[in-house]
Amino acid sequence: MSVVDNCASSFHDEGVKSRRASSFQPAIPFAEEEPPADAPLAARMRPRTLDEVVGQEAAVGPSSPIRRALAAGYLPSLILWGPPGCGKTTIARLLAGALRARFVQVSAVASGVAELRTIIDEARRARAVGVRTVLFIDEIHRFNKAQQDVVLPAVEDGDLILIGATTENPSFEVVAPLLSRVRVLRLEPLAPEALGTLIDRAMTDERRGLGGLGLTLDPAARETLIAGSGGDARIALTALELAAYAAKGVGQASITADDVRTALLDRRPGYDKAGDAHYDTISAYIKSLRGSDPHAALYWLARMIEAGEDPLFIVRRMVIFAAEDVGLADPQALVLATACQQAVHFVGMPEGFLPLAECTIYLALAPKSNSALRAYARAREAARQTAHLPVPLHLRNAVTGLMRAMGYGKGYRYPHDEPGHVAEGQAYVPDELRSARFYEPGTLGAEPELGAWKHSPPSADAEAGGDATR
């Protein structure tokens, strides 16, 4: 009996009853573990070895650091960060299998601190007899700080190897002490070539796949399936299985593009209004506006609206953009964006897409200037460094006799009594800042004219139609 078998037997005899980690099982090659014949196609076609994994060569390909370390018997704790259907769970299981380690899987939404403590205690006892434990935490971004803190000492001491899976950016969802002790592997949505490989495998494999049905997959159906899966292998294989049996049920010899489209049903864009997709998409939208590309901006707008994004969130960003990026090159943009917010709030959805689309096109085509942003940044820095300087006396409001006696307001010149309504030479900042220049006019749209007016204000004669006595 092997050391691992002895370990499994001893823990079974001691009556450990944990739901997921009650006993140690012999480490067997994952190629021998196959789901039942009636399991979903996506489960039956899971890769059996790391060499069968496609589309993630940078993370776990033969020349990747992880694979080279595995060859030497070493596996660090990892966070597998990637979208749904990219193979996170499968890769975790295969890594544990390659290390011949115990594989304990928990879900962040169903596991509590008590269960984690039990798993850690068993991992320590297993380690004492030479058995490594891989703890796989699905949706680790849903673990609260207390749960993550429980796991931290075991990871730090090497009592277990942690593999967490998340669809969210671990920089924001995993506590810093734990994040510093793991390596983050970024997994990508499967490229069309990788999806095509998986689909072809499923169509030709007679034991695990659909090869026994005697069906062919039309080229157009294959392309439709790849395009409609959004890089998600689970979606692709689930839709393929449904399309195959639908075709078989009516006596077809081939799976058609219509079969695939029906199987895919109403595939909406992958989107999480509280996650990375939310921020990534609005970022793409804003950058398209800033790049003056109305076509791209409309595309990202449609992606957000069709995914159910809050339209008021979108329009708030439009108002910010109008002030930050269009600015004084077209002051009307801020007016229009604010009107768009009112229209969307008043009309609601679905018709609210109309003012959103109109304002999107306007903002994209408008001339751009961030002079207000740059000017404020300069003024803010100066304000922070000179906050100790008093307000000049002539700018203070003299509301009492004592204030007037102290010189408040003395020497102030009322601009409306001056030619052109500008009190030339009057200082509006402390003497130390008299030479400071925070605003630099832009060169596009209406802004040059605004800047020119400040340097050359209209004369009193011109303003009064040639009569300076008003």
Protein backbone atom coordinates (compact mmCIF):
# COMPACT_ATOMS: atom_id res chain seq x y z
CA MET A 1 0.00 0.00 0.00
CA SER A 2 1.37 3.43 -0.95
CA VAL A 3 2.02 6.31 1.41
CA VAL A 4 -0.97 8.10 -0.08
CA ASP A 5 -3.17 5.03 0.38
CA ASN A 6 -2.01 4.67 3.98
CA CYS A 7 -2.80 8.33 4.55
CA ALA A 8 -6.27 7.90 3.08
CA SER A 9 -6.92 4.83 5.24
CA SER A 10 -5.75 6.44 8.47
CA PHE A 11 -7.89 9.50 8.02
CA HIS A 12 -10.90 7.40 7.13
CA ASP A 13 -10.43 5.36 10.31
CA GLU A 14 -10.31 8.51 12.39
CA GLY A 15 -13.79 9.41 11.22
CA VAL A 16 -13.19 12.72 9.55
CA LYS A 17 -16.59 13.72 8.19
CA SER A 18 -15.92 16.93 6.30
CA ARG A 19 -18.23 17.20 3.29
CA ARG A 20 -15.44 17.90 0.80
CA ALA A 21 -12.28 16.78 2.55
CA SER A 22 -13.30 13.79 4.68
CA SER A 23 -10.52 11.49 3.44
CA PHE A 24 -7.43 11.42 1.28
CA GLN A 25 -7.77 9.66 -2.02
CA PRO A 26 -4.89 8.12 -3.93
CA ALA A 27 -3.51 10.58 -6.46
CA ILE A 28 -4.49 9.03 -9.81
CA PRO A 29 -3.95 10.42 -13.30
CA PHE A 30 -6.84 12.65 -14.24
CA ALA A 31 -7.00 10.86 -17.61
CA GLU A 32 -8.71 8.01 -15.75
CA GLU A 33 -11.40 10.25 -14.27
CA GLU A 34 -14.27 10.56 -16.73
CA PRO A 35 -17.76 11.90 -16.13
CA PRO A 36 -20.75 9.64 -16.80
CA ALA A 37 -21.98 9.19 -20.35
CA ASP A 38 -25.09 11.31 -19.69
CA ALA A 39 -23.10 14.26 -18.37
CA PRO A 40 -23.24 17.48 -20.43
CA LEU A 41 -20.91 17.59 -23.42
CA ALA A 42 -18.86 20.39 -21.84
CA ALA A 43 -18.12 18.13 -18.86
CA ARG A 44 -17.37 15.06 -20.97
CA MET A 45 -14.94 16.97 -23.19
CA ARG A 46 -12.87 18.47 -20.40
CA PRO A 47 -9.15 18.14 -21.20
CA ARG A 48 -7.63 15.11 -19.50
CA THR A 49 -4.06 16.41 -19.47
CA LEU A 50 -2.41 19.82 -19.57
CA ASP A 51 -1.29 19.06 -23.12
CA GLU A 52 -4.95 18.94 -24.19
CA VAL A 53 -5.63 22.46 -22.89
CA VAL A 54 -5.94 24.90 -25.79
CA GLY A 55 -5.90 28.68 -25.93
CA GLN A 56 -3.91 29.23 -22.73
CA GLU A 57 -0.38 28.55 -23.92
CA ALA A 58 1.09 31.61 -22.20
CA ALA A 59 -0.27 30.50 -18.83
CA VAL A 60 0.13 26.71 -18.87
CA GLY A 61 1.66 25.81 -22.23
CA PRO A 62 4.68 23.48 -22.40
CA SER A 63 7.18 26.36 -22.26
CA SER A 64 5.37 28.35 -19.56
CA PRO A 65 7.08 28.92 -16.17
CA ILE A 66 4.34 26.92 -14.42
CA ARG A 67 4.87 23.84 -16.59
CA ARG A 68 8.64 24.05 -16.18
CA ALA A 69 8.23 24.31 -12.41
CA LEU A 70 5.83 21.34 -12.40
CA ALA A 71 8.45 19.25 -14.15
CA ALA A 72 10.64 19.83 -11.09
CA GLY A 73 7.82 18.95 -8.70
CA TYR A 74 6.96 22.51 -7.66
CA LEU A 75 3.62 24.36 -7.87
CA PRO A 76 3.17 27.82 -6.32
CA SER A 77 -0.13 29.12 -5.02
CA LEU A 78 -2.05 30.73 -7.87
CA ILE A 79 -4.96 32.97 -8.74
CA LEU A 80 -6.48 32.00 -12.10
CA TRP A 81 -8.08 35.19 -13.41
CA GLY A 82 -10.18 34.94 -16.52
CA PRO A 83 -13.67 35.06 -18.02
CA PRO A 84 -16.24 32.26 -17.73
CA GLY A 85 -15.59 29.21 -19.86
CA CYS A 86 -11.83 29.73 -20.30
CA GLY A 87 -10.86 26.60 -18.33
CA LYS A 88 -10.05 27.82 -14.81
CA THR A 89 -11.48 24.81 -12.94
CA THR A 90 -10.09 22.31 -15.44
CA ILE A 91 -6.61 23.81 -15.27
CA ALA A 92 -6.67 23.77 -11.47
CA ARG A 93 -7.58 20.07 -11.42
CA LEU A 94 -4.94 19.22 -14.01
CA LEU A 95 -2.24 21.11 -12.11
CA ALA A 96 -3.08 19.19 -8.95
CA GLY A 97 -3.08 15.94 -10.91
CA ALA A 98 0.31 16.69 -12.43
CA LEU A 99 1.67 17.27 -8.92
CA ARG A 100 -0.12 14.12 -7.67
CA ALA A 101 -1.65 16.15 -4.85
CA ARG A 102 -4.96 15.95 -3.04
CA PHE A 103 -7.50 18.21 -4.72
CA VAL A 104 -10.05 19.84 -2.43
CA GLN A 105 -12.60 22.11 -4.08
CA VAL A 106 -14.79 24.63 -2.29
CA SER A 107 -17.08 27.39 -3.46
CA ALA A 108 -16.71 30.85 -2.01
CA VAL A 109 -20.48 31.27 -1.86
CA ALA A 110 -21.08 28.05 0.12
CA SER A 111 -18.06 27.60 2.38
CA GLY A 112 -17.58 29.15 5.78
CA VAL A 113 -14.66 29.69 8.12
CA ALA A 114 -15.31 26.46 10.03
CA GLU A 115 -15.05 24.34 6.89
CA LEU A 116 -11.85 26.11 5.86
CA ARG A 117 -10.28 25.41 9.26
CA THR A 118 -11.12 21.70 8.88
CA ILE A 119 -9.56 21.59 5.42
CA ILE A 120 -6.42 23.35 6.67
CA ASP A 121 -6.08 20.94 9.63
CA GLU A 122 -6.34 17.96 7.30
CA ALA A 123 -3.84 19.51 4.90
CA ARG A 124 -1.33 19.87 7.73
CA ARG A 125 -1.76 16.26 8.77
CA ALA A 126 -1.44 15.12 5.17
CA ARG A 127 1.72 17.16 4.73
CA ALA A 128 3.22 15.40 7.73
CA VAL A 129 3.08 12.11 5.81
CA GLY A 130 4.31 13.59 2.53
CA VAL A 131 1.01 14.33 0.80
CA ARG A 132 0.47 17.79 -0.73
CA THR A 133 -2.97 19.42 -0.77
CA VAL A 134 -4.27 21.77 -3.44
CA LEU A 135 -7.20 23.84 -2.18
CA PHE A 136 -9.22 25.16 -5.10
CA ILE A 137 -11.50 28.08 -4.23
CA ASP A 138 -13.98 28.85 -6.97
CA GLU A 139 -15.14 32.47 -7.15
CA ILE A 140 -12.50 33.54 -4.64
CA HIS A 141 -13.50 37.16 -5.23
CA ARG A 142 -16.62 36.40 -3.17
CA PHE A 143 -14.57 35.44 -0.10
CA ASN A 144 -14.75 38.10 2.59
CA LYS A 145 -11.68 39.33 4.46
CA ALA A 146 -12.22 36.94 7.39
CA GLN A 147 -12.32 33.93 5.08
CA GLN A 148 -9.20 35.06 3.22
CA ASP A 149 -7.40 35.68 6.50
CA VAL A 150 -8.10 32.11 7.62
CA VAL A 151 -6.37 30.71 4.54
CA LEU A 152 -3.42 33.11 4.66
CA PRO A 153 -1.26 31.36 7.34
CA ALA A 154 -1.63 27.96 5.64
CA VAL A 155 -0.53 29.44 2.32
CA GLU A 156 2.35 31.29 3.95
CA ASP A 157 3.57 28.17 5.80
CA GLY A 158 3.15 25.91 2.78
CA ASP A 159 0.59 23.66 4.46
CA LEU A 160 -1.47 23.84 1.31
CA ILE A 161 -1.25 25.15 -2.21
CA LEU A 162 -4.03 27.61 -2.93
CA ILE A 163 -5.52 27.92 -6.40
CA GLY A 164 -8.24 30.53 -6.59
CA ALA A 165 -10.45 31.17 -9.60
CA THR A 166 -11.99 34.54 -10.28
CA THR A 167 -13.62 36.47 -13.09
CA GLU A 168 -12.84 39.75 -11.32
CA ASN A 169 -9.60 41.69 -11.07
CA PRO A 170 -7.81 40.18 -8.06
CA SER A 171 -6.12 43.52 -7.37
CA PHE A 172 -9.47 44.75 -6.08
CA GLU A 173 -11.00 41.53 -4.72
CA VAL A 174 -8.16 39.68 -2.96
CA VAL A 175 -6.62 41.12 0.23
CA ALA A 176 -3.09 42.42 -0.23
CA PRO A 177 -1.34 39.98 2.18
CA LEU A 178 -2.80 36.99 0.34
CA LEU A 179 -2.23 38.51 -3.09
CA SER A 180 1.45 39.02 -2.27
CA ARG A 181 1.84 35.29 -1.63
CA VAL A 182 0.33 34.01 -4.86
CA ARG A 183 1.05 34.32 -8.52
CA VAL A 184 -1.72 35.65 -10.75
CA LEU A 185 -2.20 33.79 -14.03
CA ARG A 186 -4.25 35.73 -16.56
CA LEU A 187 -6.40 33.43 -18.68
CA GLU A 188 -7.85 34.83 -21.89
CA PRO A 189 -11.17 34.19 -23.65
CA LEU A 190 -10.59 31.37 -26.08
CA ALA A 191 -9.55 32.58 -29.52
CA PRO A 192 -11.53 31.38 -32.56
CA GLU A 193 -8.80 28.86 -33.42
CA ALA A 194 -8.93 27.34 -29.93
CA LEU A 195 -12.72 27.18 -29.95
CA GLY A 196 -12.57 25.55 -33.38
CA THR A 197 -10.22 22.89 -32.03
CA LEU A 198 -12.59 22.07 -29.16
CA ILE A 199 -15.60 21.95 -31.47
CA ASP A 200 -13.81 19.64 -33.90
CA ARG A 201 -12.77 17.35 -31.06
CA ALA A 202 -16.34 17.11 -29.84
CA MET A 203 -17.65 16.35 -33.31
CA THR A 204 -15.15 13.53 -33.95
CA ASP A 205 -14.76 11.90 -30.52
CA GLU A 206 -17.08 8.86 -30.57
CA ARG A 207 -16.69 7.94 -26.91
CA ARG A 208 -16.83 11.29 -25.11
CA GLY A 209 -18.18 13.56 -27.84
CA LEU A 210 -20.80 13.53 -30.58
CA GLY A 211 -18.93 11.38 -33.09
CA GLY A 212 -21.37 8.51 -32.55
CA LEU A 213 -24.33 10.53 -33.84
CA GLY A 214 -23.10 10.35 -37.44
CA LEU A 215 -23.60 14.08 -38.02
CA THR A 216 -21.47 16.62 -39.83
CA LEU A 217 -21.12 20.30 -38.95
CA ASP A 218 -21.65 22.70 -41.82
CA PRO A 219 -18.77 25.22 -42.18
CA ALA A 220 -21.22 28.10 -41.80
CA ALA A 221 -22.59 26.50 -38.63
CA ARG A 222 -19.08 26.14 -37.24
CA GLU A 223 -18.33 29.81 -37.87
CA THR A 224 -21.66 30.84 -36.34
CA LEU A 225 -20.94 28.77 -33.26
CA ILE A 226 -17.47 30.24 -32.83
CA ALA A 227 -18.69 33.81 -33.32
CA GLY A 228 -21.65 33.36 -30.99
CA SER A 229 -19.75 31.77 -28.12
CA GLY A 230 -17.78 34.85 -27.16
CA GLY A 231 -14.64 32.89 -26.31
CA ASP A 232 -16.54 30.69 -23.82
CA ALA A 233 -15.90 26.97 -24.35
CA ARG A 234 -18.82 25.99 -22.13
CA ILE A 235 -21.27 28.02 -24.20
CA ALA A 236 -19.85 26.62 -27.44
CA LEU A 237 -20.11 22.97 -26.40
CA THR A 238 -23.50 23.35 -24.73
CA ALA A 239 -24.96 24.99 -27.85
CA LEU A 240 -23.28 22.41 -30.09
CA GLU A 241 -24.84 19.55 -28.12
CA LEU A 242 -28.31 21.06 -28.32
CA ALA A 243 -27.96 21.82 -32.04
CA ALA A 244 -26.72 18.27 -32.71
CA TYR A 245 -29.63 16.53 -31.01
CA ALA A 246 -32.10 18.99 -32.54
CA ALA A 247 -30.75 18.09 -35.99
CA LYS A 248 -30.74 14.38 -35.17
CA GLY A 249 -34.31 14.57 -33.93
CA VAL A 250 -35.64 15.64 -37.34
CA GLY A 251 -33.46 13.30 -39.35
CA GLN A 252 -30.89 15.81 -40.62
CA ALA A 253 -27.46 14.60 -41.64
CA SER A 254 -25.79 17.94 -40.87
CA ILE A 255 -25.92 20.63 -38.22
CA THR A 256 -26.82 23.89 -39.94
CA ALA A 257 -26.16 27.51 -39.06
CA ASP A 258 -29.86 27.92 -38.23
CA ASP A 259 -29.60 25.02 -35.77
CA VAL A 260 -26.68 26.73 -34.08
CA ARG A 261 -28.36 30.14 -33.96
CA THR A 262 -31.42 28.59 -32.34
CA ALA A 263 -29.26 26.73 -29.84
CA LEU A 264 -27.38 29.86 -28.90
CA LEU A 265 -30.71 31.59 -28.25
CA ASP A 266 -30.45 35.26 -27.20
CA ARG A 267 -26.77 35.58 -26.44
CA ARG A 268 -26.21 38.92 -24.77
CA PRO A 269 -22.75 40.41 -24.36
CA GLY A 270 -20.80 39.07 -21.39
CA TYR A 271 -21.30 41.84 -18.87
CA ASP A 272 -21.29 42.29 -15.12
CA LYS A 273 -22.53 45.67 -14.00
CA ALA A 274 -20.39 45.50 -10.87
CA GLY A 275 -17.31 43.87 -12.36
CA ASP A 276 -14.50 44.31 -14.83
CA ALA A 277 -16.74 44.24 -17.91
CA HIS A 278 -18.61 47.23 -16.53
CA TYR A 279 -15.45 49.32 -16.16
CA ASP A 280 -13.68 47.99 -19.24
CA THR A 281 -16.62 48.78 -21.51
CA ILE A 282 -17.23 52.29 -20.23
CA SER A 283 -13.48 52.89 -20.58
CA ALA A 284 -13.61 51.78 -24.22
CA TYR A 285 -16.62 54.06 -24.76
CA ILE A 286 -14.94 57.13 -23.27
CA LYS A 287 -11.70 56.50 -25.15
CA SER A 288 -13.66 56.21 -28.41
CA LEU A 289 -15.33 59.57 -27.72
CA ARG A 290 -11.96 61.10 -26.91
CA GLY A 291 -10.56 59.66 -30.13
CA SER A 292 -13.39 61.31 -32.12
CA ASP A 293 -14.63 57.96 -33.47
CA PRO A 294 -18.45 58.05 -33.48
CA HIS A 295 -18.71 54.53 -34.93
CA ALA A 296 -16.72 52.92 -32.12
CA ALA A 297 -18.47 55.05 -29.49
CA LEU A 298 -21.89 53.95 -30.76
CA TYR A 299 -20.77 50.32 -30.72
CA TRP A 300 -19.70 50.43 -27.07
CA LEU A 301 -22.84 52.39 -26.20
CA ALA A 302 -24.95 49.64 -27.76
CA ARG A 303 -22.96 46.97 -25.91
CA MET A 304 -23.75 48.63 -22.60
CA ILE A 305 -27.41 49.30 -23.33
CA GLU A 306 -28.07 45.78 -24.66
CA ALA A 307 -26.37 44.28 -21.60
CA GLY A 308 -28.73 46.21 -19.31
CA GLU A 309 -26.35 48.90 -18.05
CA ASP A 310 -27.97 51.71 -16.06
CA PRO A 311 -28.45 54.48 -18.67
CA LEU A 312 -27.99 57.16 -16.03
CA PHE A 313 -24.52 55.76 -15.31
CA ILE A 314 -23.68 56.16 -19.00
CA VAL A 315 -25.01 59.69 -19.24
CA ARG A 316 -23.19 60.77 -16.06
CA ARG A 317 -19.97 59.81 -17.77
CA MET A 318 -21.07 61.76 -20.85
CA VAL A 319 -21.55 64.91 -18.74
CA ILE A 320 -18.09 64.45 -17.24
CA PHE A 321 -16.62 63.88 -20.69
CA ALA A 322 -18.26 67.02 -22.08
CA ALA A 323 -16.55 69.11 -19.41
CA GLU A 324 -13.24 67.23 -19.27
CA ASP A 325 -12.50 66.39 -22.89
CA VAL A 326 -14.60 68.71 -25.08
CA GLY A 327 -14.51 71.60 -22.68
CA LEU A 328 -14.21 75.12 -24.00
CA ALA A 329 -13.58 73.97 -27.55
CA ASP A 330 -17.38 73.55 -27.68
CA PRO A 331 -19.12 74.85 -24.52
CA GLN A 332 -22.43 73.71 -26.01
CA ALA A 333 -21.38 70.08 -25.44
CA LEU A 334 -21.89 70.35 -21.69
CA VAL A 335 -25.32 71.89 -22.26
CA LEU A 336 -26.26 69.05 -24.59
CA ALA A 337 -24.93 66.35 -22.26
CA THR A 338 -26.90 67.80 -19.35
CA ALA A 339 -30.00 67.94 -21.53
CA CYS A 340 -29.37 64.31 -22.47
CA GLN A 341 -29.34 63.37 -18.80
CA GLN A 342 -32.68 65.10 -18.30
CA ALA A 343 -34.15 63.46 -21.40
CA VAL A 344 -33.03 59.95 -20.41
CA HIS A 345 -34.34 60.44 -16.89
CA PHE A 346 -37.67 61.77 -18.21
CA VAL A 347 -38.21 59.34 -21.09
CA GLY A 348 -36.63 56.22 -19.61
CA MET A 349 -35.79 53.09 -21.56
CA PRO A 350 -36.02 51.72 -24.16
CA GLU A 351 -36.55 55.03 -25.99
CA GLY A 352 -33.79 56.61 -23.94
CA PHE A 353 -31.28 55.18 -26.41
CA LEU A 354 -32.23 57.97 -28.83
CA PRO A 355 -30.87 60.94 -26.82
CA LEU A 356 -27.95 58.75 -25.73
CA ALA A 357 -27.05 58.00 -29.34
CA GLU A 358 -27.52 61.62 -30.44
CA CYS A 359 -25.33 62.97 -27.67
CA THR A 360 -22.72 60.25 -28.25
CA ILE A 361 -22.35 61.27 -31.89
CA TYR A 362 -22.17 64.97 -30.97
CA LEU A 363 -19.49 64.41 -28.31
CA ALA A 364 -17.43 62.23 -30.63
CA LEU A 365 -17.51 64.79 -33.46
CA ALA A 366 -16.99 67.86 -31.26
CA PRO A 367 -13.55 69.54 -31.15
CA LYS A 368 -11.61 68.54 -28.05
CA SER A 369 -9.91 70.54 -25.33
CA ASN A 370 -8.85 69.55 -21.84
CA SER A 371 -7.66 73.05 -20.97
CA ALA A 372 -10.09 73.31 -18.05
CA LEU A 373 -8.74 70.06 -16.57
CA ARG A 374 -5.14 71.17 -16.99
CA ALA A 375 -5.87 74.65 -15.66
CA TYR A 376 -7.56 73.30 -12.55
CA ALA A 377 -4.70 70.87 -11.90
CA ARG A 378 -2.22 73.77 -11.96
CA ALA A 379 -4.44 75.93 -9.76
CA ARG A 380 -4.96 73.08 -7.29
CA GLU A 381 -1.23 72.53 -6.94
CA ALA A 382 -0.67 76.24 -6.36
CA ALA A 383 -3.52 76.33 -3.82
CA ARG A 384 -2.00 73.45 -1.87
CA GLN A 385 1.39 75.13 -1.72
CA THR A 386 0.13 78.64 -0.87
CA ALA A 387 -2.88 77.96 1.35
CA HIS A 388 -1.22 80.05 4.06
CA LEU A 389 -1.41 83.26 2.02
CA PRO A 390 -4.17 85.64 3.16
CA VAL A 391 -6.81 86.99 0.83
CA PRO A 392 -5.71 90.49 -0.29
CA LEU A 393 -7.52 93.23 1.64
CA HIS A 394 -9.03 94.87 -1.44
CA LEU A 395 -10.80 91.58 -2.32
CA ARG A 396 -12.38 91.14 1.10
CA ASN A 397 -15.98 92.09 1.67
CA ALA A 398 -16.31 95.03 4.08
CA VAL A 399 -19.66 94.39 5.76
CA THR A 400 -18.98 96.22 9.04
CA GLY A 401 -17.42 99.50 10.03
CA LEU A 402 -14.60 97.71 11.82
CA MET A 403 -13.78 95.83 8.62
CA ARG A 404 -13.74 99.04 6.62
CA ALA A 405 -11.49 100.62 9.25
CA MET A 406 -9.11 97.70 8.86
CA GLY A 407 -8.88 98.33 5.11
CA TYR A 408 -11.22 95.61 3.88
CA GLY A 409 -12.28 96.40 0.33
CA LYS A 410 -10.04 99.45 0.09
CA GLY A 411 -8.79 100.08 -3.44
CA TYR A 412 -11.16 97.60 -5.09
CA ARG A 413 -12.24 98.71 -8.58
CA TYR A 414 -15.70 97.65 -9.72
CA PRO A 415 -15.20 96.15 -13.23
CA HIS A 416 -18.59 97.33 -14.52
CA ASP A 417 -17.44 100.90 -14.00
CA GLU A 418 -14.33 100.29 -16.09
CA PRO A 419 -13.89 100.42 -19.91
CA GLY A 420 -14.86 97.13 -21.42
CA HIS A 421 -16.00 95.99 -17.95
CA VAL A 422 -12.43 94.95 -17.15
CA ALA A 423 -10.41 96.58 -14.37
CA GLU A 424 -7.04 96.40 -16.09
CA GLY A 425 -4.13 95.87 -13.70
CA GLN A 426 -6.24 94.91 -10.69
CA ALA A 427 -4.84 91.90 -8.84
CA TYR A 428 -7.16 89.06 -7.85
CA VAL A 429 -4.59 86.83 -6.14
CA PRO A 430 -1.92 87.36 -3.45
CA ASP A 431 1.14 89.23 -4.67
CA GLU A 432 3.16 85.99 -4.67
CA LEU A 433 0.92 84.63 -7.42
CA ARG A 434 0.60 87.72 -9.60
CA SER A 435 2.64 86.12 -12.38
CA ALA A 436 0.99 82.70 -12.17
CA ARG A 437 -0.81 81.47 -15.30
CA PHE A 438 -3.01 78.40 -14.88
CA TYR A 439 -5.24 78.54 -17.96
CA GLU A 440 -3.77 78.14 -21.42
CA PRO A 441 -6.37 78.48 -24.20
CA GLY A 442 -6.72 75.58 -26.58
CA THR A 443 -6.47 75.97 -30.33
CA LEU A 444 -9.66 74.22 -31.51
CA GLY A 445 -13.29 75.21 -31.87
CA ALA A 446 -14.60 78.17 -29.94
CA GLU A 447 -11.73 78.34 -27.46
CA PRO A 448 -9.31 80.54 -29.42
CA GLU A 449 -12.00 83.19 -29.62
CA LEU A 450 -12.60 83.02 -25.88
CA GLY A 451 -8.89 83.41 -25.21
CA ALA A 452 -8.60 86.27 -27.64
CA TRP A 453 -11.42 88.18 -25.90
CA LYS A 454 -9.60 88.01 -22.57
CA HIS A 455 -6.48 89.54 -24.09
CA SER A 456 -8.38 92.11 -26.16
CA PRO A 457 -11.71 92.94 -24.46
CA PRO A 458 -14.17 95.11 -26.39
CA SER A 459 -13.79 98.82 -25.85
CA ALA A 460 -16.43 100.86 -24.09
CA ASP A 461 -17.25 102.67 -27.35
CA ALA A 462 -17.76 99.41 -29.23
CA GLU A 463 -19.90 97.94 -26.47
CA ALA A 464 -22.11 101.03 -26.35
CA GLY A 465 -22.48 101.25 -30.08
CA GLY A 466 -20.01 104.11 -30.32
CA ASP A 467 -21.33 106.06 -27.34
CA ALA A 468 -19.24 105.73 -24.20
CA THR A 469 -21.70 107.73 -22.08
CA ARG A 470 -24.39 105.24 -20.93
